[in-house]
Every structure is written in structure tokens, then in C-alpha cells.
Amino acid sequence: MTDGGMSLLGALHQRRSARTFAPTPLDTVTLSTLLWAAFGVNRPDTGHRTAPSARNWQEIELYLAMPDGLYVLEPADWRLRLVVGEDLRAATGLQDFVAGAPLNIVYVSRLSKLDETDKPLRQFYTALDTGFISQNVYLFRAAFGLVTVARGLLDRRALAVAMRLDADQRVALAQSVGHSG
């Protein structure tokens, strides 16, 4: 689904953070559309995405912590692959509400995609690219009547272990998404 929702100006007017979530999961169509809006392929001929990426590195990977497990989005095949078969939502942040949000997106940087870039620039580009994707989630949230909050307060090292990330991956940010509670 690539149409629907409100106007861009309407979505910007409604853009806000919320920390109260109903336990109701997102239906499959809403989840798929949210992920496409966040960082989906909108130009199949080039593989370019809905959010810009420095030098088109596309180093950000979207992991989804849901009640039935942790998944990673594989955009080329447009599918979710189960990574961990347990509920890791509580591990995605230090705030109490994260465990009850039906979806926590964890933005992970794949460092090897950042060609010979020094560490400060890798951190900068990772933060920049993550921000673009997160803002797309905020705009989708507004257009489709959901709630969200981006969160930097998390134990990145412990979360990386729980997510079974490899040495080439770094947790950048988490974002809770769901229906208003």
C-alpha cells in the first residue's frame, strides 16, 4: 500500500511523541506499510529507499521486537526473518512502557557498509540516517492514527547481546510504535 493517510502538512501538524500504548498488535497490512514508509524500497530499479542514506550506504537495519520474537526486515525480499524467538521488548529500553508497546523498532548500524570512514563520521552518518528513518515513522504514525516515541535511553551493549548482534553491528536508537493506550 503506497497511498492513503493525510496530507504531509497535516502529518507534520500531528507529529508528536507518546508513551502510552494499547497492547493491541499492529495488523499485518499496517505493519508492512509502516516499514515501507520507514525505509522501504521506493525505486526498485536502483534499490533506493524512502529515507535518504549517506552515499547510499543503507547501513541501517530495522529489527522489530514484538511479543512473539525479534525479527529483522530484509528489504530486498520484503520479508521479516525471525532472529530470536522470545519477547525482547523490555530489553529495548530503560523506561517501563517499552515492554507493553506492541512494537519496538531497533535501528542497528552495519559498520562494514560505511566504506573506510573514520569512527566519528560513522557515528555521525549512523545518527543522521537513523533520524531520517525515525522521522518517517513519526509521519506515518500521524497519518494513520498511531502513537510513537523514539528513545535513546537504552543499554546498547546488553541489548546487542540479547539481540545476538555480531561485532559489525551497533544499536543506534529504539522506537516504540502502537495504538494509543
Foldseek 3Di string as FASTA:
>chain_A
DPDAFDDLVQLVVQQDADLAFDLDADDPVLVLVLVQLLWAQPDVVVSHGNFDAVVSLPQKWKWKAAQQAIWTADRVVGDTDGQGRHHCQCQQADDPRSSRFRIKIWIKGQQVSVPPDDDVVSLVRSQVRNVRSVVSSSSSCSRPQKHKDKDPHHDFVVVCVVSVPDPRMGTDIMMGIHHGD
